[in-house]
C-alpha cells in the first residue's frame, strides 16, 4: 500500500506540468546510447506515446551515425571526418539516406506504433520539409596563412545546412494525432539530398514550430563546470564565456550552439539530457528537479 501511495504522489506532482504543456509542442532529438540499448529504446517509445496521450505534441528528430558507419564498413567504405562532420560524397550520401530513412527511421516508427502510438516516418525531402544548401567550411588557418591568404574552403561533399523548415507538413500530422519521426536529410534547390547534423535539424524544426521545449538526448549528463559538476541551469548569455574558457569543448559545443540558435528562433527552453537514464524525458518534463542542463 505504501508503494501505491508513493506512485499516487508522483502522479499528483506531475499534474501541474501536464496541464502547463498540454497542446504544446516538444521537439526531441533522439540519439546516442538510447538508440542502441533495447530497454532504453522501448522506454523512449513509451515516453513519447505517453506525451501524446496526455495532449502534448512530440516531434522526434533522430541521428544514426553508428548505424551508418556499420553499413559503410560492410561496403569497405572508410568514413572520413573534418571538424567533427562526416565527409559525404555521392556514394556515402546514398548509404546515409538508405540507413537513416530506410532503416533507422522505420525502426523507430515501428517501435512507437508497437507501444500504442501513431508514428509517421519522414525525411527532410518529404514535402520539402527541410530545405538546405551546401555547407561551406573553412580550414582552420595557421598564423602564417592568416597573413598570406584567406582561409581555404573545405569541400565536405553533400553536407548541408538548413535554410528553411516547411512547418505545415508537421502541423498537419500532429493535429491528426500522429507523431512525426524525422530523419535529418535535407533537400536542395535542385532536388538533391543533403546530410545534415541531427542536432541542427532539431533546433531549426523547434524554432519553426515555436516549440515549448527542445530536448537533446545525449550520452553525457549535461554541461559540466571545470570541477566536473553538472550545471543545472545555464543562461545562453554565458555560453560564449564557457566556450572561450574551454569549459564547454568538443562535441558539446555544437549541442549548446543548437540550443542557442533554437532560443533565438523562439523556443522557450532547451535541455541537454542524459539519454542513458531511464525515462529521461519524463523526468525532465514532469519533476521539479529535472535532469540534465537547461539552457534558457
C-alpha atoms as a PDB file:
ATOM      1  CA  UNK A   1       0.000   0.000   0.000  1.00  0.00           C
ATOM      2  CA  UNK A   2       2.850   2.378   0.817  1.00  0.00           C
ATOM      3  CA  UNK A   3       4.297   1.906  -2.700  1.00  0.00           C
ATOM      4  CA  UNK A   4       0.876   2.625  -4.221  1.00  0.00           C
ATOM      5  CA  UNK A   5       0.615   5.859  -2.235  1.00  0.00           C
ATOM      6  CA  UNK A   6       4.072   6.917  -3.455  1.00  0.00           C
ATOM      7  CA  UNK A   7       3.025   6.291  -7.054  1.00  0.00           C
ATOM      8  CA  UNK A   8      -0.083   8.430  -6.494  1.00  0.00           C
ATOM      9  CA  UNK A   9       2.098  11.243  -5.116  1.00  0.00           C
ATOM     10  CA  UNK A  10       4.262  11.113  -8.224  1.00  0.00           C
ATOM     11  CA  UNK A  11       1.201  11.468 -10.435  1.00  0.00           C
ATOM     12  CA  UNK A  12      -0.073  14.414  -8.397  1.00  0.00           C
ATOM     13  CA  UNK A  13       3.339  16.101  -8.599  1.00  0.00           C
ATOM     14  CA  UNK A  14       3.255  15.678 -12.384  1.00  0.00           C
ATOM     15  CA  UNK A  15      -0.223  17.176 -12.825  1.00  0.00           C
ATOM     16  CA  UNK A  16       0.791  20.888 -12.988  1.00  0.00           C
ATOM     17  CA  UNK A  17       3.380  20.114 -15.659  1.00  0.00           C
ATOM     18  CA  UNK A  18       0.898  18.074 -17.690  1.00  0.00           C
ATOM     19  CA  UNK A  19      -1.530  20.985 -17.567  1.00  0.00           C
ATOM     20  CA  UNK A  20       1.171  23.504 -18.456  1.00  0.00           C
ATOM     21  CA  UNK A  21       2.407  21.628 -21.525  1.00  0.00           C
ATOM     22  CA  UNK A  22      -0.917  20.356 -22.854  1.00  0.00           C
ATOM     23  CA  UNK A  23      -1.324  21.284 -26.539  1.00  0.00           C
ATOM     24  CA  UNK A  24       2.308  22.486 -26.604  1.00  0.00           C
ATOM     25  CA  UNK A  25       4.993  21.128 -28.955  1.00  0.00           C
ATOM     26  CA  UNK A  26       8.137  19.404 -27.695  1.00  0.00           C
ATOM     27  CA  UNK A  27      10.930  18.571 -30.155  1.00  0.00           C
ATOM     28  CA  UNK A  28      13.160  15.683 -29.070  1.00  0.00           C
ATOM     29  CA  UNK A  29      16.498  14.890 -30.694  1.00  0.00           C
ATOM     30  CA  UNK A  30      16.872  11.125 -30.277  1.00  0.00           C
ATOM     31  CA  UNK A  31      20.409   9.811 -30.394  1.00  0.00           C
ATOM     32  CA  UNK A  32      23.293   8.172 -28.582  1.00  0.00           C
ATOM     33  CA  UNK A  33      23.041   5.103 -26.350  1.00  0.00           C
ATOM     34  CA  UNK A  34      19.254   5.497 -26.091  1.00  0.00           C
ATOM     35  CA  UNK A  35      19.063   4.375 -29.738  1.00  0.00           C
ATOM     36  CA  UNK A  36      21.163   1.241 -29.133  1.00  0.00           C
ATOM     37  CA  UNK A  37      20.123  -0.314 -25.811  1.00  0.00           C
ATOM     38  CA  UNK A  38      16.945  -2.402 -26.283  1.00  0.00           C
ATOM     39  CA  UNK A  39      15.481  -1.467 -22.884  1.00  0.00           C
ATOM     40  CA  UNK A  40      16.137   2.263 -23.382  1.00  0.00           C
ATOM     41  CA  UNK A  41      14.634   2.141 -26.880  1.00  0.00           C
ATOM     42  CA  UNK A  42      11.396   0.719 -25.533  1.00  0.00           C
ATOM     43  CA  UNK A  43      11.294   3.223 -22.667  1.00  0.00           C
ATOM     44  CA  UNK A  44      11.835   6.067 -25.125  1.00  0.00           C
ATOM     45  CA  UNK A  45       8.918   4.871 -27.239  1.00  0.00           C
ATOM     46  CA  UNK A  46       6.661   4.546 -24.184  1.00  0.00           C
ATOM     47  CA  UNK A  47       7.618   8.050 -23.001  1.00  0.00           C
ATOM     48  CA  UNK A  48       6.758   9.519 -26.410  1.00  0.00           C
ATOM     49  CA  UNK A  49       3.418   7.704 -26.532  1.00  0.00           C
ATOM     50  CA  UNK A  50       2.584   8.959 -23.025  1.00  0.00           C
ATOM     51  CA  UNK A  51       3.349  12.553 -24.030  1.00  0.00           C
ATOM     52  CA  UNK A  52       0.960  12.266 -26.959  1.00  0.00           C
ATOM     53  CA  UNK A  53      -1.693  10.564 -24.837  1.00  0.00           C
ATOM     54  CA  UNK A  54      -1.845  13.487 -22.366  1.00  0.00           C
ATOM     55  CA  UNK A  55      -2.146  16.099 -25.110  1.00  0.00           C
ATOM     56  CA  UNK A  56       1.472  17.111 -25.760  1.00  0.00           C
ATOM     57  CA  UNK A  57       2.740  17.180 -29.361  1.00  0.00           C
ATOM     58  CA  UNK A  58       6.093  15.351 -29.552  1.00  0.00           C
ATOM     59  CA  UNK A  59       8.193  15.700 -32.708  1.00  0.00           C
ATOM     60  CA  UNK A  60      11.169  13.339 -32.989  1.00  0.00           C
ATOM     61  CA  UNK A  61      14.375  14.036 -34.931  1.00  0.00           C
ATOM     62  CA  UNK A  62      16.852  11.157 -34.852  1.00  0.00           C
ATOM     63  CA  UNK A  63      20.504  10.578 -35.605  1.00  0.00           C
ATOM     64  CA  UNK A  64      22.168   7.364 -36.725  1.00  0.00           C
ATOM     65  CA  UNK A  65      25.929   7.845 -37.064  1.00  0.00           C
ATOM     66  CA  UNK A  66      26.956   4.433 -35.638  1.00  0.00           C
ATOM     67  CA  UNK A  67      24.428   2.632 -37.834  1.00  0.00           C
ATOM     68  CA  UNK A  68      25.778   4.458 -40.910  1.00  0.00           C
ATOM     69  CA  UNK A  69      29.363   3.535 -40.016  1.00  0.00           C
ATOM     70  CA  UNK A  70      28.392  -0.101 -39.586  1.00  0.00           C
ATOM     71  CA  UNK A  71      26.919  -0.231 -43.081  1.00  0.00           C
ATOM     72  CA  UNK A  72      29.860   1.663 -44.612  1.00  0.00           C
ATOM     73  CA  UNK A  73      32.182  -0.879 -43.024  1.00  0.00           C
ATOM     74  CA  UNK A  74      30.280  -3.706 -44.699  1.00  0.00           C
ATOM     75  CA  UNK A  75      30.817  -1.943 -48.045  1.00  0.00           C
ATOM     76  CA  UNK A  76      34.515  -1.353 -47.244  1.00  0.00           C
ATOM     77  CA  UNK A  77      33.997   2.415 -47.335  1.00  0.00           C
ATOM     78  CA  UNK A  78      36.137   4.185 -44.754  1.00  0.00           C
ATOM     79  CA  UNK A  79      34.363   7.173 -43.142  1.00  0.00           C
ATOM     80  CA  UNK A  80      36.166  10.493 -43.115  1.00  0.00           C
ATOM     81  CA  UNK A  81      35.547  13.467 -40.828  1.00  0.00           C
ATOM     82  CA  UNK A  82      36.523  17.129 -40.888  1.00  0.00           C
ATOM     83  CA  UNK A  83      35.899  19.259 -37.796  1.00  0.00           C
ATOM     84  CA  UNK A  84      33.562  16.569 -36.491  1.00  0.00           C
ATOM     85  CA  UNK A  85      31.460  16.436 -39.672  1.00  0.00           C
ATOM     86  CA  UNK A  86      31.179  13.433 -41.983  1.00  0.00           C
ATOM     87  CA  UNK A  87      32.602  14.000 -45.445  1.00  0.00           C
ATOM     88  CA  UNK A  88      29.734  12.862 -47.670  1.00  0.00           C
ATOM     89  CA  UNK A  89      30.445  12.075 -51.303  1.00  0.00           C
ATOM     90  CA  UNK A  90      27.730  10.729 -53.593  1.00  0.00           C
ATOM     91  CA  UNK A  91      28.274   7.089 -52.638  1.00  0.00           C
ATOM     92  CA  UNK A  92      28.301   7.878 -48.920  1.00  0.00           C
ATOM     93  CA  UNK A  93      25.161  10.012 -49.309  1.00  0.00           C
ATOM     94  CA  UNK A  94      23.346   7.038 -50.803  1.00  0.00           C
ATOM     95  CA  UNK A  95      24.290   4.978 -47.741  1.00  0.00           C
ATOM     96  CA  UNK A  96      23.370   7.800 -45.327  1.00  0.00           C
ATOM     97  CA  UNK A  97      19.919   8.178 -46.857  1.00  0.00           C
ATOM     98  CA  UNK A  98      19.327   4.444 -47.087  1.00  0.00           C
ATOM     99  CA  UNK A  99      20.293   3.832 -43.456  1.00  0.00           C
ATOM    100  CA  UNK A 100      18.671   6.905 -41.875  1.00  0.00           C
ATOM    101  CA  UNK A 101      15.456   6.922 -43.896  1.00  0.00           C
ATOM    102  CA  UNK A 102      15.041   3.288 -44.863  1.00  0.00           C
ATOM    103  CA  UNK A 103      16.246   1.536 -41.717  1.00  0.00           C
ATOM    104  CA  UNK A 104      16.683   3.664 -38.579  1.00  0.00           C
ATOM    105  CA  UNK A 105      13.613   5.817 -39.167  1.00  0.00           C
ATOM    106  CA  UNK A 106      11.333   2.869 -39.803  1.00  0.00           C
ATOM    107  CA  UNK A 107      12.612   1.011 -36.739  1.00  0.00           C
ATOM    108  CA  UNK A 108      11.738   3.998 -34.525  1.00  0.00           C
ATOM    109  CA  UNK A 109       8.325   4.370 -36.157  1.00  0.00           C
ATOM    110  CA  UNK A 110       7.620   0.668 -35.711  1.00  0.00           C
ATOM    111  CA  UNK A 111       8.607   0.706 -32.051  1.00  0.00           C
ATOM    112  CA  UNK A 112       6.428   3.728 -31.233  1.00  0.00           C
ATOM    113  CA  UNK A 113       3.482   2.170 -33.043  1.00  0.00           C
ATOM    114  CA  UNK A 114       4.045  -1.144 -31.256  1.00  0.00           C
ATOM    115  CA  UNK A 115       3.835   0.739 -27.940  1.00  0.00           C
ATOM    116  CA  UNK A 116       0.450   2.202 -28.841  1.00  0.00           C
ATOM    117  CA  UNK A 117       1.350   5.381 -30.709  1.00  0.00           C
ATOM    118  CA  UNK A 118       0.639   6.571 -34.252  1.00  0.00           C
ATOM    119  CA  UNK A 119       4.032   7.493 -35.669  1.00  0.00           C
ATOM    120  CA  UNK A 120       4.779   8.561 -39.235  1.00  0.00           C
ATOM    121  CA  UNK A 121       8.314   8.495 -40.636  1.00  0.00           C
ATOM    122  CA  UNK A 122       9.630  11.361 -42.751  1.00  0.00           C
ATOM    123  CA  UNK A 123      12.858  12.653 -44.172  1.00  0.00           C
ATOM    124  CA  UNK A 124      13.526  16.304 -44.843  1.00  0.00           C
ATOM    125  CA  UNK A 125      12.851  15.628 -48.512  1.00  0.00           C
ATOM    126  CA  UNK A 126       9.193  14.747 -47.864  1.00  0.00           C
ATOM    127  CA  UNK A 127       7.063  17.773 -48.669  1.00  0.00           C
ATOM    128  CA  UNK A 128      10.291  19.837 -48.813  1.00  0.00           C
ATOM    129  CA  UNK A 129      10.187  19.697 -45.014  1.00  0.00           C
ATOM    130  CA  UNK A 130      13.881  20.575 -44.529  1.00  0.00           C
ATOM    131  CA  UNK A 131      15.294  22.803 -47.262  1.00  0.00           C
ATOM    132  CA  UNK A 132      19.069  23.036 -47.356  1.00  0.00           C
ATOM    133  CA  UNK A 133      22.134  24.306 -49.147  1.00  0.00           C
ATOM    134  CA  UNK A 134      25.707  23.083 -49.244  1.00  0.00           C
ATOM    135  CA  UNK A 135      27.608  23.803 -46.037  1.00  0.00           C
ATOM    136  CA  UNK A 136      30.722  25.909 -46.528  1.00  0.00           C
ATOM    137  CA  UNK A 137      33.525  25.114 -44.070  1.00  0.00           C
ATOM    138  CA  UNK A 138      36.876  26.886 -43.845  1.00  0.00           C
ATOM    139  CA  UNK A 139      40.106  25.189 -42.852  1.00  0.00           C
ATOM    140  CA  UNK A 140      41.498  26.270 -39.522  1.00  0.00           C
ATOM    141  CA  UNK A 141      44.283  28.636 -40.657  1.00  0.00           C
ATOM    142  CA  UNK A 142      47.748  28.898 -39.205  1.00  0.00           C
ATOM    143  CA  UNK A 143      49.099  32.286 -38.137  1.00  0.00           C
ATOM    144  CA  UNK A 144      51.183  32.400 -41.322  1.00  0.00           C
ATOM    145  CA  UNK A 145      48.185  31.592 -43.514  1.00  0.00           C
ATOM    146  CA  UNK A 146      46.232  34.434 -41.921  1.00  0.00           C
ATOM    147  CA  UNK A 147      48.936  36.839 -43.031  1.00  0.00           C
ATOM    148  CA  UNK A 148      49.390  35.475 -46.552  1.00  0.00           C
ATOM    149  CA  UNK A 149      45.975  34.393 -47.831  1.00  0.00           C
ATOM    150  CA  UNK A 150      42.267  33.984 -46.952  1.00  0.00           C
ATOM    151  CA  UNK A 151      41.129  30.746 -45.260  1.00  0.00           C
ATOM    152  CA  UNK A 152      40.873  27.725 -47.552  1.00  0.00           C
ATOM    153  CA  UNK A 153      37.407  26.245 -48.094  1.00  0.00           C
ATOM    154  CA  UNK A 154      36.996  22.516 -47.435  1.00  0.00           C
ATOM    155  CA  UNK A 155      34.651  20.507 -49.644  1.00  0.00           C
ATOM    156  CA  UNK A 156      32.585  18.197 -47.414  1.00  0.00           C
ATOM    157  CA  UNK A 157      30.533  16.945 -50.356  1.00  0.00           C
ATOM    158  CA  UNK A 158      26.802  16.597 -49.714  1.00  0.00           C
ATOM    159  CA  UNK A 159      26.829  18.060 -46.209  1.00  0.00           C
ATOM    160  CA  UNK A 160      24.149  20.695 -45.836  1.00  0.00           C
ATOM    161  CA  UNK A 161      22.840  23.435 -43.603  1.00  0.00           C
ATOM    162  CA  UNK A 162      19.188  24.243 -43.046  1.00  0.00           C
ATOM    163  CA  UNK A 163      17.794  27.198 -44.989  1.00  0.00           C
ATOM    164  CA  UNK A 164      14.065  26.731 -44.336  1.00  0.00           C
ATOM    165  CA  UNK A 165      11.615  24.483 -42.495  1.00  0.00           C
ATOM    166  CA  UNK A 166       8.157  23.985 -44.005  1.00  0.00           C
ATOM    167  CA  UNK A 167       6.390  23.516 -40.697  1.00  0.00           C
ATOM    168  CA  UNK A 168       2.939  22.988 -42.205  1.00  0.00           C
ATOM    169  CA  UNK A 169       3.857  19.377 -43.006  1.00  0.00           C
ATOM    170  CA  UNK A 170       4.350  18.651 -39.294  1.00  0.00           C
ATOM    171  CA  UNK A 171       1.425  20.714 -38.032  1.00  0.00           C
ATOM    172  CA  UNK A 172      -0.958  18.745 -40.214  1.00  0.00           C
ATOM    173  CA  UNK A 173       0.433  15.491 -38.852  1.00  0.00           C
ATOM    174  CA  UNK A 174       0.268  16.163 -35.135  1.00  0.00           C
ATOM    175  CA  UNK A 175      -3.128  17.825 -35.438  1.00  0.00           C
ATOM    176  CA  UNK A 176      -4.206  14.488 -36.924  1.00  0.00           C
ATOM    177  CA  UNK A 177      -2.932  12.722 -33.791  1.00  0.00           C
ATOM    178  CA  UNK A 178       0.249  11.462 -35.473  1.00  0.00           C
ATOM    179  CA  UNK A 179       3.784  11.573 -34.074  1.00  0.00           C
ATOM    180  CA  UNK A 180       6.308  12.783 -36.697  1.00  0.00           C
ATOM    181  CA  UNK A 181       9.659  10.960 -36.733  1.00  0.00           C
ATOM    182  CA  UNK A 182      12.179  12.797 -38.911  1.00  0.00           C
ATOM    183  CA  UNK A 183      15.460  11.656 -40.477  1.00  0.00           C
ATOM    184  CA  UNK A 184      17.950  14.551 -40.851  1.00  0.00           C
ATOM    185  CA  UNK A 185      18.221  14.501 -44.632  1.00  0.00           C
ATOM    186  CA  UNK A 186      17.552  17.829 -46.340  1.00  0.00           C
ATOM    187  CA  UNK A 187      16.707  18.757 -49.913  1.00  0.00           C
ATOM    188  CA  UNK A 188      18.482  21.332 -52.075  1.00  0.00           C
ATOM    189  CA  UNK A 189      17.054  23.624 -54.726  1.00  0.00           C
ATOM    190  CA  UNK A 190      17.955  21.095 -57.418  1.00  0.00           C
ATOM    191  CA  UNK A 191      16.280  18.255 -55.513  1.00  0.00           C
ATOM    192  CA  UNK A 192      19.475  16.554 -54.362  1.00  0.00           C
ATOM    193  CA  UNK A 193      19.756  15.211 -50.826  1.00  0.00           C
ATOM    194  CA  UNK A 194      21.981  16.688 -48.126  1.00  0.00           C
ATOM    195  CA  UNK A 195      23.307  15.072 -44.973  1.00  0.00           C
ATOM    196  CA  UNK A 196      22.649  17.456 -42.033  1.00  0.00           C
ATOM    197  CA  UNK A 197      23.617  17.240 -38.370  1.00  0.00           C
ATOM    198  CA  UNK A 198      20.573  15.960 -36.469  1.00  0.00           C
ATOM    199  CA  UNK A 199      21.028  18.452 -33.612  1.00  0.00           C
ATOM    200  CA  UNK A 200      20.862  21.341 -36.082  1.00  0.00           C
ATOM    201  CA  UNK A 201      17.759  19.945 -37.773  1.00  0.00           C
ATOM    202  CA  UNK A 202      16.060  19.500 -34.395  1.00  0.00           C
ATOM    203  CA  UNK A 203      16.871  23.085 -33.402  1.00  0.00           C
ATOM    204  CA  UNK A 204      15.610  24.504 -36.696  1.00  0.00           C
ATOM    205  CA  UNK A 205      12.379  22.500 -36.508  1.00  0.00           C
ATOM    206  CA  UNK A 206      11.824  23.529 -32.884  1.00  0.00           C
ATOM    207  CA  UNK A 207      12.219  27.163 -33.893  1.00  0.00           C
ATOM    208  CA  UNK A 208       9.898  26.859 -36.887  1.00  0.00           C
ATOM    209  CA  UNK A 209       7.208  25.277 -34.684  1.00  0.00           C
ATOM    210  CA  UNK A 210       7.738  27.777 -31.832  1.00  0.00           C
ATOM    211  CA  UNK A 211       8.181  24.724 -29.619  1.00  0.00           C
ATOM    212  CA  UNK A 212       7.821  24.963 -25.871  1.00  0.00           C
ATOM    213  CA  UNK A 213      10.877  22.750 -25.363  1.00  0.00           C
ATOM    214  CA  UNK A 214      13.796  21.303 -27.280  1.00  0.00           C
ATOM    215  CA  UNK A 215      15.320  18.227 -25.623  1.00  0.00           C
ATOM    216  CA  UNK A 216      18.621  16.797 -26.865  1.00  0.00           C
ATOM    217  CA  UNK A 217      19.239  13.232 -25.670  1.00  0.00           C
ATOM    218  CA  UNK A 218      22.975  12.583 -25.373  1.00  0.00           C
ATOM    219  CA  UNK A 219      25.452  10.174 -23.782  1.00  0.00           C
ATOM    220  CA  UNK A 220      26.544  12.640 -21.087  1.00  0.00           C
ATOM    221  CA  UNK A 221      24.781  14.074 -18.035  1.00  0.00           C
ATOM    222  CA  UNK A 222      24.770  17.579 -19.475  1.00  0.00           C
ATOM    223  CA  UNK A 223      27.065  20.605 -19.390  1.00  0.00           C
ATOM    224  CA  UNK A 224      29.626  20.453 -16.587  1.00  0.00           C
ATOM    225  CA  UNK A 225      31.810  23.100 -14.944  1.00  0.00           C
ATOM    226  CA  UNK A 226      35.586  22.938 -14.582  1.00  0.00           C
ATOM    227  CA  UNK A 227      35.200  20.833 -11.423  1.00  0.00           C
ATOM    228  CA  UNK A 228      33.172  18.250 -13.339  1.00  0.00           C
ATOM    229  CA  UNK A 229      29.906  19.183 -11.637  1.00  0.00           C
ATOM    230  CA  UNK A 230      26.666  19.284 -13.617  1.00  0.00           C
ATOM    231  CA  UNK A 231      25.352  22.763 -14.410  1.00  0.00           C
ATOM    232  CA  UNK A 232      21.585  22.510 -13.984  1.00  0.00           C
ATOM    233  CA  UNK A 233      20.604  25.942 -15.316  1.00  0.00           C
ATOM    234  CA  UNK A 234      22.600  27.939 -17.846  1.00  0.00           C
ATOM    235  CA  UNK A 235      21.626  31.313 -19.394  1.00  0.00           C
ATOM    236  CA  UNK A 236      22.544  31.410 -23.069  1.00  0.00           C
ATOM    237  CA  UNK A 237      24.421  34.668 -22.437  1.00  0.00           C
ATOM    238  CA  UNK A 238      27.066  32.683 -20.536  1.00  0.00           C
ATOM    239  CA  UNK A 239      27.734  30.133 -23.286  1.00  0.00           C
ATOM    240  CA  UNK A 240      30.387  32.148 -25.127  1.00  0.00           C
ATOM    241  CA  UNK A 241      32.385  32.706 -21.941  1.00  0.00           C
ATOM    242  CA  UNK A 242      32.332  28.992 -21.097  1.00  0.00           C
ATOM    243  CA  UNK A 243      33.364  28.025 -24.640  1.00  0.00           C
ATOM    244  CA  UNK A 244      36.239  30.527 -24.659  1.00  0.00           C
ATOM    245  CA  UNK A 245      37.410  29.225 -21.272  1.00  0.00           C
ATOM    246  CA  UNK A 246      37.340  25.641 -22.543  1.00  0.00           C
ATOM    247  CA  UNK A 247      34.696  24.587 -20.024  1.00  0.00           C
ATOM    248  CA  UNK A 248      32.434  23.695 -22.926  1.00  0.00           C
ATOM    249  CA  UNK A 249      34.507  21.851 -25.523  1.00  0.00           C
ATOM    250  CA  UNK A 250      34.483  19.119 -28.158  1.00  0.00           C
ATOM    251  CA  UNK A 251      31.144  17.616 -29.120  1.00  0.00           C
ATOM    252  CA  UNK A 252      29.298  19.679 -26.533  1.00  0.00           C
ATOM    253  CA  UNK A 253      29.922  22.899 -28.490  1.00  0.00           C
ATOM    254  CA  UNK A 254      27.566  22.105 -31.418  1.00  0.00           C
ATOM    255  CA  UNK A 255      24.901  20.978 -28.942  1.00  0.00           C
ATOM    256  CA  UNK A 256      24.925  24.232 -26.965  1.00  0.00           C
ATOM    257  CA  UNK A 257      25.088  26.169 -30.248  1.00  0.00           C
ATOM    258  CA  UNK A 258      21.995  24.277 -31.342  1.00  0.00           C
ATOM    259  CA  UNK A 259      20.226  25.270 -28.114  1.00  0.00           C
ATOM    260  CA  UNK A 260      21.347  28.878 -28.501  1.00  0.00           C
ATOM    261  CA  UNK A 261      20.056  29.026 -32.071  1.00  0.00           C
ATOM    262  CA  UNK A 262      16.731  27.430 -31.090  1.00  0.00           C
ATOM    263  CA  UNK A 263      16.179  30.013 -28.346  1.00  0.00           C
ATOM    264  CA  UNK A 264      16.915  32.830 -30.784  1.00  0.00           C
ATOM    265  CA  UNK A 265      14.317  31.284 -33.119  1.00  0.00           C
ATOM    266  CA  UNK A 266      11.667  31.475 -30.374  1.00  0.00           C
ATOM    267  CA  UNK A 267      11.916  28.176 -28.474  1.00  0.00           C
ATOM    268  CA  UNK A 268      11.084  28.765 -24.803  1.00  0.00           C
ATOM    269  CA  UNK A 269      13.599  26.421 -23.153  1.00  0.00           C
ATOM    270  CA  UNK A 270      16.174  23.880 -24.266  1.00  0.00           C
ATOM    271  CA  UNK A 271      17.687  20.900 -22.486  1.00  0.00           C
ATOM    272  CA  UNK A 272      20.718  18.653 -22.853  1.00  0.00           C
ATOM    273  CA  UNK A 273      19.750  15.404 -21.139  1.00  0.00           C
ATOM    274  CA  UNK A 274      21.455  12.067 -20.470  1.00  0.00           C
ATOM    275  CA  UNK A 275      19.598   9.586 -22.669  1.00  0.00           C
ATOM    276  CA  UNK A 276      21.202   6.681 -20.805  1.00  0.00           C
ATOM    277  CA  UNK A 277      18.932   7.446 -17.846  1.00  0.00           C
ATOM    278  CA  UNK A 278      15.669   5.507 -17.748  1.00  0.00           C
ATOM    279  CA  UNK A 279      12.648   7.662 -18.664  1.00  0.00           C
ATOM    280  CA  UNK A 280      14.892  10.724 -19.019  1.00  0.00           C
ATOM    281  CA  UNK A 281      12.246  12.632 -20.985  1.00  0.00           C
ATOM    282  CA  UNK A 282       9.560  12.208 -18.329  1.00  0.00           C
ATOM    283  CA  UNK A 283      11.969  13.078 -15.527  1.00  0.00           C
ATOM    284  CA  UNK A 284      12.915  16.287 -17.301  1.00  0.00           C
ATOM    285  CA  UNK A 285       9.392  17.353 -18.099  1.00  0.00           C
ATOM    286  CA  UNK A 286       7.355  16.246 -15.099  1.00  0.00           C
ATOM    287  CA  UNK A 287       9.537  16.616 -11.993  1.00  0.00           C
ATOM    288  CA  UNK A 288      10.580  19.682 -10.042  1.00  0.00           C
ATOM    289  CA  UNK A 289      14.270  18.795 -10.123  1.00  0.00           C
ATOM    290  CA  UNK A 290      14.507  17.770 -13.772  1.00  0.00           C
ATOM    291  CA  UNK A 291      17.660  16.186 -15.164  1.00  0.00           C
ATOM    292  CA  UNK A 292      20.493  17.425 -17.344  1.00  0.00           C
ATOM    293  CA  UNK A 293      21.234  21.057 -18.208  1.00  0.00           C
ATOM    294  CA  UNK A 294      18.579  23.632 -19.019  1.00  0.00           C
ATOM    295  CA  UNK A 295      19.744  26.381 -21.375  1.00  0.00           C
ATOM    296  CA  UNK A 296      17.397  29.351 -21.479  1.00  0.00           C
END
